[in-house]
C-alpha atoms as a PDB file:
ATOM      1  CA  MET A   1      15.909   0.534   1.373  1.00  0.00           C
ATOM      2  CA  GLN A   2      15.664   3.857   3.931  1.00  0.00           C
ATOM      3  CA  GLN A   3      15.124   7.186   1.554  1.00  0.00           C
ATOM      4  CA  PHE A   4      13.447  11.047   2.782  1.00  0.00           C
ATOM      5  CA  LEU A   5      10.891  12.308   0.706  1.00  0.00           C
ATOM      6  CA  PRO A   6      10.348  15.827   1.184  1.00  0.00           C
ATOM      7  CA  ASP A   7       6.957  16.492  -0.686  1.00  0.00           C
ATOM      8  CA  ASP A   8       4.566  14.854  -2.748  1.00  0.00           C
ATOM      9  CA  ALA A   9       6.892  14.669  -6.045  1.00  0.00           C
ATOM     10  CA  ALA A  10       8.995  12.631  -4.337  1.00  0.00           C
ATOM     11  CA  THR A  11       6.043  10.182  -2.862  1.00  0.00           C
ATOM     12  CA  ALA A  12       5.349   9.229  -6.082  1.00  0.00           C
ATOM     13  CA  ALA A  13       8.280   9.271  -7.790  1.00  0.00           C
ATOM     14  CA  LEU A  14       8.940   6.308  -4.618  1.00  0.00           C
ATOM     15  CA  GLY A  15       5.742   5.099  -5.573  1.00  0.00           C
ATOM     16  CA  ALA A  16       6.310   4.050  -9.413  1.00  0.00           C
ATOM     17  CA  GLU A  17      10.283   2.862  -8.642  1.00  0.00           C
ATOM     18  CA  LEU A  18       7.953   0.453  -6.738  1.00  0.00           C
ATOM     19  CA  ALA A  19       5.967  -0.705  -9.003  1.00  0.00           C
ATOM     20  CA  ALA A  20       8.330  -1.695 -11.383  1.00  0.00           C
ATOM     21  CA  THR A  21       9.298  -3.720  -8.967  1.00  0.00           C
ATOM     22  CA  LEU A  22       5.624  -5.772  -8.194  1.00  0.00           C
ATOM     23  CA  VAL A  23       4.645  -8.917  -9.863  1.00  0.00           C
ATOM     24  CA  PRO A  24       1.858 -10.605  -9.456  1.00  0.00           C
ATOM     25  CA  GLY A  25       0.431 -12.588  -6.294  1.00  0.00           C
ATOM     26  CA  ASP A  26       2.989  -9.143  -4.321  1.00  0.00           C
ATOM     27  CA  LEU A  27       1.996  -8.018  -0.759  1.00  0.00           C
ATOM     28  CA  ILE A  28       2.476  -4.650   0.161  1.00  0.00           C
ATOM     29  CA  ILE A  29       2.250  -3.278   3.333  1.00  0.00           C
ATOM     30  CA  LEU A  30       1.989  -0.029   4.078  1.00  0.00           C
ATOM     31  CA  ASN A  31       3.464   0.470   7.619  1.00  0.00           C
ATOM     32  CA  GLY A  32       3.016   3.809   9.344  1.00  0.00           C
ATOM     33  CA  ASP A  33       0.589   6.647  11.897  1.00  0.00           C
ATOM     34  CA  LEU A  34      -2.132   8.337  10.995  1.00  0.00           C
ATOM     35  CA  GLY A  35      -1.409  10.637   8.545  1.00  0.00           C
ATOM     36  CA  ALA A  36       2.115   9.698   7.720  1.00  0.00           C
ATOM     37  CA  GLY A  37       1.689   8.755   4.134  1.00  0.00           C
ATOM     38  CA  LYS A  38       0.912   4.701   3.494  1.00  0.00           C
ATOM     39  CA  THR A  39      -2.555   6.051   1.787  1.00  0.00           C
ATOM     40  CA  ALA A  40      -0.354   8.831  -1.106  1.00  0.00           C
ATOM     41  CA  LEU A  41       1.880   6.412  -1.607  1.00  0.00           C
ATOM     42  CA  ALA A  42      -0.843   3.487  -2.221  1.00  0.00           C
ATOM     43  CA  ARG A  43      -2.186   6.083  -4.896  1.00  0.00           C
ATOM     44  CA  ALA A  44       0.917   6.571  -6.343  1.00  0.00           C
ATOM     45  CA  ILE A  45       2.308   2.948  -6.693  1.00  0.00           C
ATOM     46  CA  ILE A  46      -1.337   1.830  -8.320  1.00  0.00           C
ATOM     47  CA  ARG A  47      -1.829   5.726 -11.078  1.00  0.00           C
ATOM     48  CA  ALA A  48       2.284   3.686 -11.790  1.00  0.00           C
ATOM     49  CA  LEU A  49       1.023   0.325 -12.488  1.00  0.00           C
ATOM     50  CA  ALA A  50      -1.940   1.752 -14.030  1.00  0.00           C
ATOM     51  CA  ASN A  51      -0.254   4.038 -16.102  1.00  0.00           C
ATOM     52  CA  ASP A  52      -2.818   6.445 -15.456  1.00  0.00           C
ATOM     53  CA  PRO A  53      -1.620  10.012 -13.153  1.00  0.00           C
ATOM     54  CA  ALA A  54      -4.710  10.930 -13.267  1.00  0.00           C
ATOM     55  CA  LEU A  55      -6.428   7.717 -11.966  1.00  0.00           C
ATOM     56  CA  ASP A  56      -8.990   8.659  -9.390  1.00  0.00           C
ATOM     57  CA  VAL A  57      -7.506   6.677  -6.280  1.00  0.00           C
ATOM     58  CA  PRO A  58      -9.742   7.287  -3.286  1.00  0.00           C
ATOM     59  CA  SER A  59      -8.841   5.942   0.496  1.00  0.00           C
ATOM     60  CA  PRO A  60     -10.508   2.728   0.795  1.00  0.00           C
ATOM     61  CA  THR A  61     -11.173   3.831   4.523  1.00  0.00           C
ATOM     62  CA  PHE A  62     -14.388   2.919   4.149  1.00  0.00           C
ATOM     63  CA  ALA A  63     -15.471   0.724   1.805  1.00  0.00           C
ATOM     64  CA  LEU A  64     -11.800  -1.396   3.487  1.00  0.00           C
ATOM     65  CA  VAL A  65     -10.841  -2.981  -0.419  1.00  0.00           C
ATOM     66  CA  GLN A  66     -10.629  -1.367  -3.389  1.00  0.00           C
ATOM     67  CA  PRO A  67      -9.820  -3.022  -6.735  1.00  0.00           C
ATOM     68  CA  TYR A  68      -7.888  -1.672 -10.176  1.00  0.00           C
ATOM     69  CA  ASP A  69      -6.866  -3.132 -13.105  1.00  0.00           C
ATOM     70  CA  THR A  70      -4.168  -3.093 -14.326  1.00  0.00           C
ATOM     71  CA  ALA A  71      -1.638  -3.613 -16.689  1.00  0.00           C
ATOM     72  CA  LYS A  72       0.876  -6.386 -14.861  1.00  0.00           C
ATOM     73  CA  GLY A  73      -3.481  -7.406 -13.730  1.00  0.00           C
ATOM     74  CA  PRO A  74      -5.938  -6.812 -10.759  1.00  0.00           C
ATOM     75  CA  VAL A  75      -4.595  -4.712  -7.538  1.00  0.00           C
ATOM     76  CA  LEU A  76      -6.515  -4.427  -4.500  1.00  0.00           C
ATOM     77  CA  HIS A  77      -5.615  -1.667  -2.148  1.00  0.00           C
ATOM     78  CA  ALA A  78      -7.368  -2.663   0.860  1.00  0.00           C
ATOM     79  CA  ASP A  79      -7.125  -0.391   5.066  1.00  0.00           C
ATOM     80  CA  LEU A  80      -7.925  -2.281   7.350  1.00  0.00           C
ATOM     81  CA  TYR A  81      -8.063   0.310  10.199  1.00  0.00           C
ATOM     82  CA  ARG A  82     -12.247   0.063  10.294  1.00  0.00           C
ATOM     83  CA  LEU A  83     -11.600  -3.836  11.145  1.00  0.00           C
ATOM     84  CA  GLY A  84     -13.199  -5.252  14.480  1.00  0.00           C
ATOM     85  CA  ASP A  85     -11.620  -8.695  14.992  1.00  0.00           C
ATOM     86  CA  PRO A  86      -9.140  -9.873  12.109  1.00  0.00           C
ATOM     87  CA  ARG A  87     -10.887 -13.006  11.313  1.00  0.00           C
ATOM     88  CA  GLU A  88     -12.947 -10.217   9.070  1.00  0.00           C
ATOM     89  CA  VAL A  89     -10.335 -10.960   6.783  1.00  0.00           C
ATOM     90  CA  ASP A  90     -11.091 -13.172   5.854  1.00  0.00           C
ATOM     91  CA  GLU A  91     -15.001 -11.894   3.642  1.00  0.00           C
ATOM     92  CA  LEU A  92     -11.732  -9.055   2.447  1.00  0.00           C
ATOM     93  CA  GLY A  93     -10.940 -12.144   0.064  1.00  0.00           C
ATOM     94  CA  LEU A  94      -7.372 -10.301   0.525  1.00  0.00           C
ATOM     95  CA  LEU A  95      -5.304 -13.863  -0.877  1.00  0.00           C
ATOM     96  CA  ASP A  96      -7.651 -15.209  -3.004  1.00  0.00           C
ATOM     97  CA  ASN A  97      -6.302 -14.067  -6.303  1.00  0.00           C
ATOM     98  CA  PRO A  98      -2.644 -14.915  -5.899  1.00  0.00           C
ATOM     99  CA  ASP A  99      -2.349 -13.478  -9.179  1.00  0.00           C
ATOM    100  CA  ALA A 100      -3.380 -10.207  -7.575  1.00  0.00           C
ATOM    101  CA  ILE A 101      -1.202  -7.239  -6.228  1.00  0.00           C
ATOM    102  CA  VAL A 102      -2.055  -6.499  -3.199  1.00  0.00           C
ATOM    103  CA  LEU A 103      -1.340  -2.714  -1.141  1.00  0.00           C
ATOM    104  CA  VAL A 104      -2.786  -2.796   3.009  1.00  0.00           C
ATOM    105  CA  GLU A 105      -2.762  -0.460   5.159  1.00  0.00           C
ATOM    106  CA  TRP A 106      -3.276  -0.786   8.721  1.00  0.00           C
ATOM    107  CA  ALA A 107      -1.904  -4.826   8.190  1.00  0.00           C
ATOM    108  CA  GLU A 108      -1.595  -4.952  11.693  1.00  0.00           C
ATOM    109  CA  ARG A 109      -4.661  -5.769  12.498  1.00  0.00           C
ATOM    110  CA  ALA A 110      -4.650  -9.448  10.453  1.00  0.00           C
ATOM    111  CA  PRO A 111      -1.716 -11.667  11.300  1.00  0.00           C
ATOM    112  CA  GLU A 112      -2.212 -13.840   8.204  1.00  0.00           C
ATOM    113  CA  ILE A 113      -1.854 -10.661   5.853  1.00  0.00           C
ATOM    114  CA  VAL A 114       1.042  -9.443   7.979  1.00  0.00           C
ATOM    115  CA  GLU A 115       2.715 -12.596   7.696  1.00  0.00           C
ATOM    116  CA  ALA A 116       2.131 -12.970   3.677  1.00  0.00           C
ATOM    117  CA  ALA A 117       3.427 -10.101   3.199  1.00  0.00           C
ATOM    118  CA  THR A 118       6.124  -9.999   0.424  1.00  0.00           C
ATOM    119  CA  LEU A 119       6.716  -5.942   1.112  1.00  0.00           C
ATOM    120  CA  VAL A 120       7.239  -4.119   4.419  1.00  0.00           C
ATOM    121  CA  VAL A 121       6.897  -0.371   3.705  1.00  0.00           C
ATOM    122  CA  ALA A 122       7.183   2.253   6.701  1.00  0.00           C
ATOM    123  CA  LEU A 123       6.867   6.102   6.621  1.00  0.00           C
ATOM    124  CA  SER A 124       6.981   7.862   9.080  1.00  0.00           C
ATOM    125  CA  ILE A 125       7.355  11.613  10.316  1.00  0.00           C
ATOM    126  CA  PRO A 126      10.282  13.176  10.628  1.00  0.00           C
ATOM    127  CA  PRO A 127      11.458  15.234  13.579  1.00  0.00           C
ATOM    128  CA  GLY A 128       9.899  19.312  12.651  1.00  0.00           C
ATOM    129  CA  GLY A 129       7.285  17.108  10.116  1.00  0.00           C
ATOM    130  CA  ALA A 130       8.595  17.991   7.182  1.00  0.00           C
ATOM    131  CA  GLY A 131       8.462  15.008   4.694  1.00  0.00           C
ATOM    132  CA  ARG A 132       8.157  11.716   5.436  1.00  0.00           C
ATOM    133  CA  GLN A 133      11.014   9.167   6.493  1.00  0.00           C
ATOM    134  CA  VAL A 134      10.518   5.921   4.733  1.00  0.00           C
ATOM    135  CA  SER A 135      11.806   1.398   4.863  1.00  0.00           C
ATOM    136  CA  VAL A 136      11.399  -0.249   2.108  1.00  0.00           C
ATOM    137  CA  THR A 137      12.360  -4.569   3.218  1.00  0.00           C
ATOM    138  CA  ARG A 138      11.983  -6.994   0.929  1.00  0.00           C
ATOM    139  CA  ARG A 139      10.549 -10.468   2.309  1.00  0.00           C
END
């Protein structure tokens, strides 16, 4: 599936659509350059899973992993940008709970995470910089 997201409302709507399709054990990779909207989409997915549009969902850039409890079970939101070595991903426990829904930004820094992905979402900024182009692939 490919789609153009003209604004934040469209990103939130896509996040809610994706959240409705997720099941425990799904591992979602969010690909894209800095500023492409990975965290905004993850935030929308987590808020939809938690059924709380005002939920505080900070970027996990410095914490590396932010956990959430939702009606669909545990959710982990990870950002591997600051990962120094791919072997460090084991310490984060992203694959430890088979019932968790896991969202990962900058997954390319840990090949085992890429291999375990069940959904890949690629975001890019189109020429001119307005909106976002998104591609969603289920594995």
